[in-house]
Amino acid sequence: MLRRCTLPCLGAVVFLFVACTPTAEPTLEITAGSIVPGGTTHVHVTATDESGRIGAGSVKITADDGSLAGDGATVTLDAYGTAAVDFTCPSCAERVTFTAAWTRGSKPAVTASLGVVVLATTGSGGGGFNPSPARLLGPTPYLSKADSPFGASIIGFEDLEDSVFDLPGATTNGIVTSTLTSSLIDSVDGDDGNPHDGKCVHSAAHKCDSLFFDTGSTGITITFSAPLPTFAGLVWTDGEGVVTFEAFDGNGAKIGTSGPHALPDNSLDNTTAEDRFFGAASPSGVSSLHVSNTMGGIEVDHIQYGR
């Protein structure tokens, strides 16, 4: 690339254009939700070029089992350098490996691979998610419940589509957005039934609600009561500045802190490519989740847990 350099020269300013060596290697990240036999999950890719800028072009994704939407799917990176494709698995083996190749014109292709363990059972609860060892999860792209790493192990789930936060065993300082104004929409993409249209379309059937708090630096806290979940998560959907997530175990000790992450896209209404799942697991239980961003308000959605 060419960079303009400014040098002082006898009271004048001289501009030189010099070739600059890229400061990093291009990267391609591939993530996927939990795989449950007979279910659908989303496979996401995120690309960044040598200069740390958003990647552009196309990515070919393949899987060694199951079926992608148009197996061997080629997807086009969006304005955020991301893309997603649906994956189904009627009767997969114990592990599925995804491979992605980013085509960059005349430049060398960038590749990545990801192995995902297939959960052994289906249904509500008992889906096989292991809370040990204690750890944080994410941030990972999230368009619908199919992107949750907890899969069929989820026993408590709140998408706020009834405009009420009534998740059993949980309380929050967040406020449901539609109780403030119907125009404040920053829900998970798939809450309107279409996880690939880049927005949640509000209608009588789809409220596209989320939880909101007006001070992002204070953040939103989800507090759980006994019996505590052993894993829990939420989806950050909007805010400004940088985002930090933390979680606490059944003894009140911090499981960990994730961030700060530069996630916000500078739009405050109904964009979904920035949405990220954050979660935590601990054999002693998860007592609370807290997410914040340094500027503006904050919104979260799809609060979920299991044990």
C-alpha atoms as a PDB file:
ATOM      1  CA  MET A   1       0.000   0.000   0.000  1.00  0.00           C
ATOM      2  CA  LEU A   2       1.079   3.645  -0.311  1.00  0.00           C
ATOM      3  CA  ARG A   3       1.163   5.909   2.709  1.00  0.00           C
ATOM      4  CA  ARG A   4       1.621   9.684   2.682  1.00  0.00           C
ATOM      5  CA  CYS A   5       4.470  10.813   4.947  1.00  0.00           C
ATOM      6  CA  THR A   6       4.974  14.452   6.004  1.00  0.00           C
ATOM      7  CA  LEU A   7       8.521  15.752   6.487  1.00  0.00           C
ATOM      8  CA  PRO A   8       9.789  19.254   7.486  1.00  0.00           C
ATOM      9  CA  CYS A   9      12.175  20.753   4.899  1.00  0.00           C
ATOM     10  CA  LEU A  10      13.573  24.316   5.279  1.00  0.00           C
ATOM     11  CA  GLY A  11      10.288  25.736   6.510  1.00  0.00           C
ATOM     12  CA  ALA A  12       8.266  23.895   3.879  1.00  0.00           C
ATOM     13  CA  VAL A  13       6.279  20.707   4.058  1.00  0.00           C
ATOM     14  CA  VAL A  14       7.209  17.870   1.733  1.00  0.00           C
ATOM     15  CA  PHE A  15       4.844  14.948   1.032  1.00  0.00           C
ATOM     16  CA  LEU A  16       6.415  11.616   0.162  1.00  0.00           C
ATOM     17  CA  PHE A  17       4.463   8.535  -0.890  1.00  0.00           C
ATOM     18  CA  VAL A  18       6.312   5.453   0.219  1.00  0.00           C
ATOM     19  CA  ALA A  19       5.511   1.767   0.025  1.00  0.00           C
ATOM     20  CA  CYS A  20       4.596   0.490   3.471  1.00  0.00           C
ATOM     21  CA  THR A  21       4.936  -3.089   4.580  1.00  0.00           C
ATOM     22  CA  PRO A  22       1.647  -4.474   6.009  1.00  0.00           C
ATOM     23  CA  THR A  23       1.810  -4.711   9.785  1.00  0.00           C
ATOM     24  CA  ALA A  24      -0.015  -8.051  10.087  1.00  0.00           C
ATOM     25  CA  GLU A  25      -1.087 -11.142   8.215  1.00  0.00           C
ATOM     26  CA  PRO A  26      -4.607 -11.341   6.744  1.00  0.00           C
ATOM     27  CA  THR A  27      -6.913 -13.378   8.959  1.00  0.00           C
ATOM     28  CA  LEU A  28      -9.984 -15.498   8.358  1.00  0.00           C
ATOM     29  CA  GLU A  29     -12.011 -16.642  11.369  1.00  0.00           C
ATOM     30  CA  ILE A  30     -14.668 -19.341  11.174  1.00  0.00           C
ATOM     31  CA  THR A  31     -17.216 -19.966  13.947  1.00  0.00           C
ATOM     32  CA  ALA A  32     -20.321 -22.122  14.277  1.00  0.00           C
ATOM     33  CA  GLY A  33     -23.137 -22.758  16.716  1.00  0.00           C
ATOM     34  CA  SER A  34     -23.749 -26.102  18.370  1.00  0.00           C
ATOM     35  CA  ILE A  35     -24.553 -29.015  16.070  1.00  0.00           C
ATOM     36  CA  VAL A  36     -27.564 -31.110  17.028  1.00  0.00           C
ATOM     37  CA  PRO A  37     -28.656 -34.058  14.823  1.00  0.00           C
ATOM     38  CA  GLY A  38     -31.674 -32.972  12.804  1.00  0.00           C
ATOM     39  CA  GLY A  39     -31.142 -29.302  13.646  1.00  0.00           C
ATOM     40  CA  THR A  40     -29.807 -26.249  11.797  1.00  0.00           C
ATOM     41  CA  THR A  41     -26.877 -24.101  12.820  1.00  0.00           C
ATOM     42  CA  HIS A  42     -25.121 -21.122  11.261  1.00  0.00           C
ATOM     43  CA  VAL A  43     -21.522 -21.114  10.121  1.00  0.00           C
ATOM     44  CA  HIS A  44     -19.935 -17.646  10.183  1.00  0.00           C
ATOM     45  CA  VAL A  45     -16.744 -16.301   8.648  1.00  0.00           C
ATOM     46  CA  THR A  46     -14.999 -12.993   9.421  1.00  0.00           C
ATOM     47  CA  ALA A  47     -12.131 -11.641   7.310  1.00  0.00           C
ATOM     48  CA  THR A  48      -9.523  -8.948   8.017  1.00  0.00           C
ATOM     49  CA  ASP A  49      -6.813  -7.868   5.562  1.00  0.00           C
ATOM     50  CA  GLU A  50      -3.087  -7.249   6.139  1.00  0.00           C
ATOM     51  CA  SER A  51      -3.687  -3.687   7.319  1.00  0.00           C
ATOM     52  CA  GLY A  52      -6.324  -4.654   9.848  1.00  0.00           C
ATOM     53  CA  ARG A  53      -9.150  -3.399   7.657  1.00  0.00           C
ATOM     54  CA  ILE A  54     -12.453  -5.142   6.941  1.00  0.00           C
ATOM     55  CA  GLY A  55     -12.048  -7.912   4.394  1.00  0.00           C
ATOM     56  CA  ALA A  56     -13.835  -8.015   1.034  1.00  0.00           C
ATOM     57  CA  GLY A  57     -14.433 -10.687  -1.582  1.00  0.00           C
ATOM     58  CA  SER A  58     -15.863 -14.191  -1.358  1.00  0.00           C
ATOM     59  CA  VAL A  59     -15.318 -17.207   0.881  1.00  0.00           C
ATOM     60  CA  LYS A  60     -15.939 -20.852  -0.034  1.00  0.00           C
ATOM     61  CA  ILE A  61     -17.089 -22.969   2.908  1.00  0.00           C
ATOM     62  CA  THR A  62     -17.119 -26.775   2.921  1.00  0.00           C
ATOM     63  CA  ALA A  63     -17.943 -29.436   5.517  1.00  0.00           C
ATOM     64  CA  ASP A  64     -16.832 -33.058   5.781  1.00  0.00           C
ATOM     65  CA  ASP A  65     -20.299 -34.184   6.893  1.00  0.00           C
ATOM     66  CA  GLY A  66     -23.865 -32.902   6.864  1.00  0.00           C
ATOM     67  CA  SER A  67     -25.066 -30.334   4.368  1.00  0.00           C
ATOM     68  CA  LEU A  68     -24.399 -26.638   3.811  1.00  0.00           C
ATOM     69  CA  ALA A  69     -26.888 -24.442   1.964  1.00  0.00           C
ATOM     70  CA  GLY A  70     -25.587 -25.317  -1.495  1.00  0.00           C
ATOM     71  CA  ASP A  71     -22.854 -27.667  -0.244  1.00  0.00           C
ATOM     72  CA  GLY A  72     -19.485 -26.135  -0.941  1.00  0.00           C
ATOM     73  CA  ALA A  73     -21.239 -22.791  -0.473  1.00  0.00           C
ATOM     74  CA  THR A  74     -19.560 -19.624  -1.713  1.00  0.00           C
ATOM     75  CA  VAL A  75     -20.630 -16.566   0.263  1.00  0.00           C
ATOM     76  CA  THR A  76     -19.872 -12.875  -0.275  1.00  0.00           C
ATOM     77  CA  LEU A  77     -18.425 -10.855   2.598  1.00  0.00           C
ATOM     78  CA  ASP A  78     -20.658  -7.988   3.700  1.00  0.00           C
ATOM     79  CA  ALA A  79     -19.743  -4.430   4.715  1.00  0.00           C
ATOM     80  CA  TYR A  80     -18.451  -5.752   8.050  1.00  0.00           C
ATOM     81  CA  GLY A  81     -16.251  -8.439   6.493  1.00  0.00           C
ATOM     82  CA  THR A  82     -18.602 -11.221   7.613  1.00  0.00           C
ATOM     83  CA  ALA A  83     -20.833 -13.830   5.984  1.00  0.00           C
ATOM     84  CA  ALA A  84     -22.921 -16.798   7.129  1.00  0.00           C
ATOM     85  CA  VAL A  85     -24.422 -19.975   5.729  1.00  0.00           C
ATOM     86  CA  ASP A  86     -26.876 -22.537   7.158  1.00  0.00           C
ATOM     87  CA  PHE A  87     -25.690 -26.047   8.041  1.00  0.00           C
ATOM     88  CA  THR A  88     -27.917 -29.066   8.665  1.00  0.00           C
ATOM     89  CA  CYS A  89     -26.981 -32.438  10.023  1.00  0.00           C
ATOM     90  CA  PRO A  90     -29.606 -35.229   9.886  1.00  0.00           C
ATOM     91  CA  SER A  91     -27.236 -37.872  11.285  1.00  0.00           C
ATOM     92  CA  CYS A  92     -23.674 -36.635  11.560  1.00  0.00           C
ATOM     93  CA  ALA A  93     -20.703 -38.423  13.049  1.00  0.00           C
ATOM     94  CA  GLU A  94     -19.244 -37.289  16.368  1.00  0.00           C
ATOM     95  CA  ARG A  95     -17.366 -34.347  14.850  1.00  0.00           C
ATOM     96  CA  VAL A  96     -17.780 -32.082  11.819  1.00  0.00           C
ATOM     97  CA  THR A  97     -14.899 -30.119  10.323  1.00  0.00           C
ATOM     98  CA  PHE A  98     -15.580 -26.912   8.405  1.00  0.00           C
ATOM     99  CA  THR A  99     -13.030 -25.424   6.012  1.00  0.00           C
ATOM    100  CA  ALA A 100     -13.126 -21.908   4.573  1.00  0.00           C
ATOM    101  CA  ALA A 101     -11.054 -20.319   1.788  1.00  0.00           C
ATOM    102  CA  TRP A 102     -11.096 -16.557   1.253  1.00  0.00           C
ATOM    103  CA  THR A 103     -10.531 -15.526  -2.374  1.00  0.00           C
ATOM    104  CA  ARG A 104      -8.760 -12.156  -2.682  1.00  0.00           C
ATOM    105  CA  GLY A 105      -8.284 -11.574  -6.391  1.00  0.00           C
ATOM    106  CA  SER A 106      -4.640 -12.009  -7.376  1.00  0.00           C
ATOM    107  CA  LYS A 107      -3.492 -12.293  -3.749  1.00  0.00           C
ATOM    108  CA  PRO A 108      -2.936 -15.676  -2.102  1.00  0.00           C
ATOM    109  CA  ALA A 109      -6.066 -17.255  -0.653  1.00  0.00           C
ATOM    110  CA  VAL A 110      -6.475 -17.309   3.130  1.00  0.00           C
ATOM    111  CA  THR A 111      -7.814 -20.497   4.722  1.00  0.00           C
ATOM    112  CA  ALA A 112      -9.213 -21.534   8.088  1.00  0.00           C
ATOM    113  CA  SER A 113     -10.763 -24.659   9.591  1.00  0.00           C
ATOM    114  CA  LEU A 114     -12.921 -25.470  12.590  1.00  0.00           C
ATOM    115  CA  GLY A 115     -13.906 -28.752  14.218  1.00  0.00           C
ATOM    116  CA  VAL A 116     -17.228 -28.899  16.081  1.00  0.00           C
ATOM    117  CA  VAL A 117     -18.349 -31.769  18.303  1.00  0.00           C
ATOM    118  CA  VAL A 118     -21.871 -33.000  17.544  1.00  0.00           C
ATOM    119  CA  LEU A 119     -24.159 -33.025  20.594  1.00  0.00           C
ATOM    120  CA  ALA A 120     -25.493 -36.475  21.335  1.00  0.00           C
ATOM    121  CA  THR A 121     -29.109 -35.692  22.168  1.00  0.00           C
ATOM    122  CA  THR A 122     -31.964 -33.465  21.114  1.00  0.00           C
ATOM    123  CA  GLY A 123     -34.845 -31.923  22.981  1.00  0.00           C
ATOM    124  CA  SER A 124     -35.036 -29.436  25.872  1.00  0.00           C
ATOM    125  CA  GLY A 125     -32.280 -29.784  28.442  1.00  0.00           C
ATOM    126  CA  GLY A 126     -29.635 -32.462  28.832  1.00  0.00           C
ATOM    127  CA  GLY A 127     -28.191 -31.742  25.404  1.00  0.00           C
ATOM    128  CA  GLY A 128     -24.634 -32.487  26.406  1.00  0.00           C
ATOM    129  CA  PHE A 129     -23.027 -29.068  27.046  1.00  0.00           C
ATOM    130  CA  ASN A 130     -20.199 -29.542  29.559  1.00  0.00           C
ATOM    131  CA  PRO A 131     -19.788 -26.691  32.102  1.00  0.00           C
ATOM    132  CA  SER A 132     -16.337 -27.890  33.110  1.00  0.00           C
ATOM    133  CA  PRO A 133     -13.836 -26.300  33.237  1.00  0.00           C
ATOM    134  CA  ALA A 134     -15.098 -22.887  34.324  1.00  0.00           C
ATOM    135  CA  ARG A 135     -14.650 -20.533  31.375  1.00  0.00           C
ATOM    136  CA  LEU A 136     -16.000 -17.683  29.295  1.00  0.00           C
ATOM    137  CA  LEU A 137     -17.412 -18.156  25.807  1.00  0.00           C
ATOM    138  CA  GLY A 138     -17.421 -15.711  22.905  1.00  0.00           C
ATOM    139  CA  PRO A 139     -17.720 -13.198  21.565  1.00  0.00           C
ATOM    140  CA  THR A 140     -19.094 -15.033  18.514  1.00  0.00           C
ATOM    141  CA  PRO A 141     -21.440 -13.839  15.723  1.00  0.00           C
ATOM    142  CA  TYR A 142     -25.103 -14.510  16.468  1.00  0.00           C
ATOM    143  CA  LEU A 143     -28.105 -14.301  14.130  1.00  0.00           C
ATOM    144  CA  SER A 144     -30.560 -16.672  15.834  1.00  0.00           C
ATOM    145  CA  LYS A 145     -30.873 -19.292  18.571  1.00  0.00           C
ATOM    146  CA  ALA A 146     -29.169 -21.729  16.195  1.00  0.00           C
ATOM    147  CA  ASP A 147     -25.906 -19.855  16.886  1.00  0.00           C
ATOM    148  CA  SER A 148     -25.927 -20.622  20.613  1.00  0.00           C
ATOM    149  CA  PRO A 149     -23.036 -22.850  21.744  1.00  0.00           C
ATOM    150  CA  PHE A 150     -25.443 -24.445  24.260  1.00  0.00           C
ATOM    151  CA  GLY A 151     -27.581 -26.133  21.618  1.00  0.00           C
ATOM    152  CA  ALA A 152     -30.251 -28.468  22.981  1.00  0.00           C
ATOM    153  CA  SER A 153     -28.949 -28.002  26.542  1.00  0.00           C
ATOM    154  CA  ILE A 154     -30.854 -24.713  26.933  1.00  0.00           C
ATOM    155  CA  ILE A 155     -33.645 -24.920  29.518  1.00  0.00           C
ATOM    156  CA  GLY A 156     -34.273 -21.198  30.025  1.00  0.00           C
ATOM    157  CA  PHE A 157     -34.537 -18.802  27.080  1.00  0.00           C
ATOM    158  CA  GLU A 158     -35.748 -15.193  26.827  1.00  0.00           C
ATOM    159  CA  ASP A 159     -36.105 -13.469  23.448  1.00  0.00           C
ATOM    160  CA  LEU A 160     -38.479 -10.714  24.739  1.00  0.00           C
ATOM    161  CA  GLU A 161     -40.848 -11.229  21.806  1.00  0.00           C
ATOM    162  CA  ASP A 162     -43.799 -11.015  24.205  1.00  0.00           C
ATOM    163  CA  SER A 163     -42.455  -7.614  25.361  1.00  0.00           C
ATOM    164  CA  VAL A 164     -41.919  -8.944  28.900  1.00  0.00           C
ATOM    165  CA  PHE A 165     -38.778 -10.120  30.700  1.00  0.00           C
ATOM    166  CA  ASP A 166     -40.064 -13.158  32.598  1.00  0.00           C
ATOM    167  CA  LEU A 167     -37.178 -15.613  32.414  1.00  0.00           C
ATOM    168  CA  PRO A 168     -37.630 -18.016  35.370  1.00  0.00           C
ATOM    169  CA  GLY A 169     -34.952 -17.628  38.038  1.00  0.00           C
ATOM    170  CA  ALA A 170     -33.487 -14.413  36.575  1.00  0.00           C
ATOM    171  CA  THR A 171     -33.709 -10.672  37.213  1.00  0.00           C
ATOM    172  CA  THR A 172     -32.217  -7.699  35.377  1.00  0.00           C
ATOM    173  CA  ASN A 173     -31.803  -3.926  35.492  1.00  0.00           C
ATOM    174  CA  GLY A 174     -32.591  -3.777  31.766  1.00  0.00           C
ATOM    175  CA  ILE A 175     -35.846  -2.358  30.395  1.00  0.00           C
ATOM    176  CA  VAL A 176     -37.784  -3.922  27.501  1.00  0.00           C
ATOM    177  CA  THR A 177     -37.390  -1.550  24.563  1.00  0.00           C
ATOM    178  CA  SER A 178     -41.024  -1.412  23.442  1.00  0.00           C
ATOM    179  CA  THR A 179     -42.014  -0.056  26.847  1.00  0.00           C
ATOM    180  CA  LEU A 180     -39.922   3.014  25.996  1.00  0.00           C
ATOM    181  CA  THR A 181     -40.667   3.527  22.298  1.00  0.00           C
ATOM    182  CA  SER A 182     -41.762   1.274  19.452  1.00  0.00           C
ATOM    183  CA  SER A 183     -39.117   2.803  17.188  1.00  0.00           C
ATOM    184  CA  LEU A 184     -36.187   1.527  19.279  1.00  0.00           C
ATOM    185  CA  ILE A 185     -35.368  -1.755  17.550  1.00  0.00           C
ATOM    186  CA  ASP A 186     -32.116  -3.680  17.937  1.00  0.00           C
ATOM    187  CA  SER A 187     -33.206  -7.264  18.323  1.00  0.00           C
ATOM    188  CA  VAL A 188     -31.445 -10.423  17.165  1.00  0.00           C
ATOM    189  CA  ASP A 189     -31.796 -10.760  13.377  1.00  0.00           C
ATOM    190  CA  GLY A 190     -33.756 -14.020  13.414  1.00  0.00           C
ATOM    191  CA  ASP A 191     -36.494 -12.800  15.773  1.00  0.00           C
ATOM    192  CA  ASP A 192     -38.555 -11.850  12.697  1.00  0.00           C
ATOM    193  CA  GLY A 193     -38.245 -15.376  11.306  1.00  0.00           C
ATOM    194  CA  ASN A 194     -35.484 -14.489   8.818  1.00  0.00           C
ATOM    195  CA  PRO A 195     -31.932 -14.657  10.241  1.00  0.00           C
ATOM    196  CA  HIS A 196     -30.256 -13.508   7.017  1.00  0.00           C
ATOM    197  CA  ASP A 197     -31.903 -10.192   6.099  1.00  0.00           C
ATOM    198  CA  GLY A 198     -29.602  -7.985   8.198  1.00  0.00           C
ATOM    199  CA  LYS A 199     -32.393  -6.598  10.405  1.00  0.00           C
ATOM    200  CA  CYS A 200     -35.356  -7.542  12.568  1.00  0.00           C
ATOM    201  CA  VAL A 201     -38.556  -6.430  10.830  1.00  0.00           C
ATOM    202  CA  HIS A 202     -41.115  -5.251  13.390  1.00  0.00           C
ATOM    203  CA  SER A 203     -44.677  -6.506  12.906  1.00  0.00           C
ATOM    204  CA  ALA A 204     -47.692  -7.602  14.932  1.00  0.00           C
ATOM    205  CA  ALA A 205     -46.221 -11.108  15.041  1.00  0.00           C
ATOM    206  CA  HIS A 206     -42.610 -10.059  15.640  1.00  0.00           C
ATOM    207  CA  LYS A 207     -41.999  -7.371  18.267  1.00  0.00           C
ATOM    208  CA  CYS A 208     -38.179  -7.319  17.759  1.00  0.00           C
ATOM    209  CA  ASP A 209     -37.726  -6.326  21.415  1.00  0.00           C
ATOM    210  CA  SER A 210     -34.515  -6.287  23.415  1.00  0.00           C
ATOM    211  CA  LEU A 211     -33.351  -5.181  26.865  1.00  0.00           C
ATOM    212  CA  PHE A 212     -32.119  -1.589  27.141  1.00  0.00           C
ATOM    213  CA  PHE A 213     -30.272   0.485  29.720  1.00  0.00           C
ATOM    214  CA  ASP A 214     -29.560   4.143  29.108  1.00  0.00           C
ATOM    215  CA  THR A 215     -26.036   4.183  30.567  1.00  0.00           C
ATOM    216  CA  GLY A 216     -23.805   1.807  28.665  1.00  0.00           C
ATOM    217  CA  SER A 217     -20.917   2.207  31.097  1.00  0.00           C
ATOM    218  CA  THR A 218     -23.152   0.915  33.903  1.00  0.00           C
ATOM    219  CA  GLY A 219     -24.243  -1.884  31.617  1.00  0.00           C
ATOM    220  CA  ILE A 220     -26.834  -4.621  31.922  1.00  0.00           C
ATOM    221  CA  THR A 221     -26.660  -7.308  34.593  1.00  0.00           C
ATOM    222  CA  ILE A 222     -28.514 -10.617  34.576  1.00  0.00           C
ATOM    223  CA  THR A 223     -28.688 -12.137  38.078  1.00  0.00           C
ATOM    224  CA  PHE A 224     -29.697 -15.775  38.638  1.00  0.00           C
ATOM    225  CA  SER A 225     -31.281 -17.355  41.723  1.00  0.00           C
ATOM    226  CA  ALA A 226     -30.993 -20.912  43.029  1.00  0.00           C
ATOM    227  CA  PRO A 227     -30.873 -23.449  41.601  1.00  0.00           C
ATOM    228  CA  LEU A 228     -28.155 -21.703  39.635  1.00  0.00           C
ATOM    229  CA  PRO A 229     -27.508 -22.516  35.989  1.00  0.00           C
ATOM    230  CA  THR A 230     -24.109 -24.029  35.256  1.00  0.00           C
ATOM    231  CA  PHE A 231     -23.902 -22.173  31.945  1.00  0.00           C
ATOM    232  CA  ALA A 232     -25.552 -18.993  30.727  1.00  0.00           C
ATOM    233  CA  GLY A 233     -25.225 -16.361  28.033  1.00  0.00           C
ATOM    234  CA  LEU A 234     -26.638 -13.299  26.339  1.00  0.00           C
ATOM    235  CA  VAL A 235     -26.332 -11.469  23.046  1.00  0.00           C
ATOM    236  CA  TRP A 236     -25.011  -7.896  22.954  1.00  0.00           C
ATOM    237  CA  THR A 237     -26.910  -6.119  20.161  1.00  0.00           C
ATOM    238  CA  ASP A 238     -26.104  -2.410  20.411  1.00  0.00           C
ATOM    239  CA  GLY A 239     -24.089   0.331  22.087  1.00  0.00           C
ATOM    240  CA  GLU A 240     -21.160   2.657  21.489  1.00  0.00           C
ATOM    241  CA  GLY A 241     -17.456   2.653  22.344  1.00  0.00           C
ATOM    242  CA  VAL A 242     -15.978  -0.725  23.283  1.00  0.00           C
ATOM    243  CA  VAL A 243     -17.682  -3.716  24.908  1.00  0.00           C
ATOM    244  CA  THR A 244     -16.645  -5.658  28.037  1.00  0.00           C
ATOM    245  CA  PHE A 245     -18.241  -8.818  29.431  1.00  0.00           C
ATOM    246  CA  GLU A 246     -17.762 -10.499  32.800  1.00  0.00           C
ATOM    247  CA  ALA A 247     -19.366 -13.354  34.695  1.00  0.00           C
ATOM    248  CA  PHE A 248     -19.437 -14.633  38.279  1.00  0.00           C
ATOM    249  CA  ASP A 249     -19.704 -18.179  39.629  1.00  0.00           C
ATOM    250  CA  GLY A 250     -21.871 -19.714  42.322  1.00  0.00           C
ATOM    251  CA  ASN A 251     -19.523 -18.469  45.044  1.00  0.00           C
ATOM    252  CA  GLY A 252     -19.504 -14.899  43.745  1.00  0.00           C
ATOM    253  CA  ALA A 253     -15.977 -15.200  42.344  1.00  0.00           C
ATOM    254  CA  LYS A 254     -15.281 -13.770  38.919  1.00  0.00           C
ATOM    255  CA  ILE A 255     -15.080 -16.447  36.221  1.00  0.00           C
ATOM    256  CA  GLY A 256     -13.343 -13.972  33.930  1.00  0.00           C
ATOM    257  CA  THR A 257     -13.470 -10.759  31.936  1.00  0.00           C
ATOM    258  CA  SER A 258     -13.628 -10.547  28.141  1.00  0.00           C
ATOM    259  CA  GLY A 259     -12.744  -7.312  26.357  1.00  0.00           C
ATOM    260  CA  PRO A 260     -12.672  -4.544  25.605  1.00  0.00           C
ATOM    261  CA  HIS A 261     -13.974  -5.456  22.139  1.00  0.00           C
ATOM    262  CA  ALA A 262     -14.505  -2.953  19.312  1.00  0.00           C
ATOM    263  CA  LEU A 263     -17.918  -4.279  18.217  1.00  0.00           C
ATOM    264  CA  PRO A 264     -20.202  -1.235  17.678  1.00  0.00           C
ATOM    265  CA  ASP A 265     -20.947  -0.296  14.064  1.00  0.00           C
ATOM    266  CA  ASN A 266     -21.858   3.368  14.766  1.00  0.00           C
ATOM    267  CA  SER A 267     -25.522   2.718  13.992  1.00  0.00           C
ATOM    268  CA  LEU A 268     -28.014   2.859  16.842  1.00  0.00           C
ATOM    269  CA  ASP A 269     -31.035   1.234  15.232  1.00  0.00           C
ATOM    270  CA  ASN A 270     -31.735  -2.211  13.779  1.00  0.00           C
ATOM    271  CA  THR A 271     -28.381  -3.446  12.500  1.00  0.00           C
ATOM    272  CA  THR A 272     -27.402  -7.034  13.273  1.00  0.00           C
ATOM    273  CA  ALA A 273     -23.956  -7.831  11.818  1.00  0.00           C
ATOM    274  CA  GLU A 274     -22.348  -6.494  15.010  1.00  0.00           C
ATOM    275  CA  ASP A 275     -24.374  -8.763  17.348  1.00  0.00           C
ATOM    276  CA  ARG A 276     -22.239 -11.064  19.483  1.00  0.00           C
ATOM    277  CA  PHE A 277     -22.895 -13.904  21.929  1.00  0.00           C
ATOM    278  CA  PHE A 278     -21.136 -13.804  25.303  1.00  0.00           C
ATOM    279  CA  GLY A 279     -21.448 -16.622  27.808  1.00  0.00           C
ATOM    280  CA  ALA A 280     -19.959 -18.372  30.807  1.00  0.00           C
ATOM    281  CA  ALA A 281     -19.841 -21.850  32.315  1.00  0.00           C
ATOM    282  CA  SER A 282     -18.922 -23.080  35.794  1.00  0.00           C
ATOM    283  CA  PRO A 283     -19.535 -26.374  37.625  1.00  0.00           C
ATOM    284  CA  SER A 284     -20.304 -24.347  40.784  1.00  0.00           C
ATOM    285  CA  GLY A 285     -22.977 -22.375  38.951  1.00  0.00           C
ATOM    286  CA  VAL A 286     -23.244 -19.005  37.250  1.00  0.00           C
ATOM    287  CA  SER A 287     -24.673 -16.331  39.551  1.00  0.00           C
ATOM    288  CA  SER A 288     -24.585 -13.324  37.215  1.00  0.00           C
ATOM    289  CA  LEU A 289     -23.596 -11.967  33.810  1.00  0.00           C
ATOM    290  CA  HIS A 290     -22.641  -8.342  33.175  1.00  0.00           C
ATOM    291  CA  VAL A 291     -21.995  -6.578  29.879  1.00  0.00           C
ATOM    292  CA  SER A 292     -21.178  -2.916  29.304  1.00  0.00           C
ATOM    293  CA  ASN A 293     -19.972  -0.503  26.644  1.00  0.00           C
ATOM    294  CA  THR A 294     -18.134   2.747  27.214  1.00  0.00           C
ATOM    295  CA  MET A 295     -20.484   5.174  25.465  1.00  0.00           C
ATOM    296  CA  GLY A 296     -24.220   5.700  24.868  1.00  0.00           C
ATOM    297  CA  GLY A 297     -26.873   3.213  25.959  1.00  0.00           C
ATOM    298  CA  ILE A 298     -26.726  -0.566  25.670  1.00  0.00           C
ATOM    299  CA  GLU A 299     -29.015  -3.357  24.425  1.00  0.00           C
ATOM    300  CA  VAL A 300     -28.959  -7.158  24.853  1.00  0.00           C
ATOM    301  CA  ASP A 301     -31.205 -10.006  23.728  1.00  0.00           C
ATOM    302  CA  HIS A 302     -31.557 -13.817  23.853  1.00  0.00           C
ATOM    303  CA  ILE A 303     -30.687 -14.380  27.506  1.00  0.00           C
ATOM    304  CA  GLN A 304     -30.309 -18.154  27.993  1.00  0.00           C
ATOM    305  CA  TYR A 305     -29.128 -20.786  30.438  1.00  0.00           C
ATOM    306  CA  GLY A 306     -28.983 -24.467  31.300  1.00  0.00           C
ATOM    307  CA  ARG A 307     -27.706 -26.821  33.957  1.00  0.00           C
END
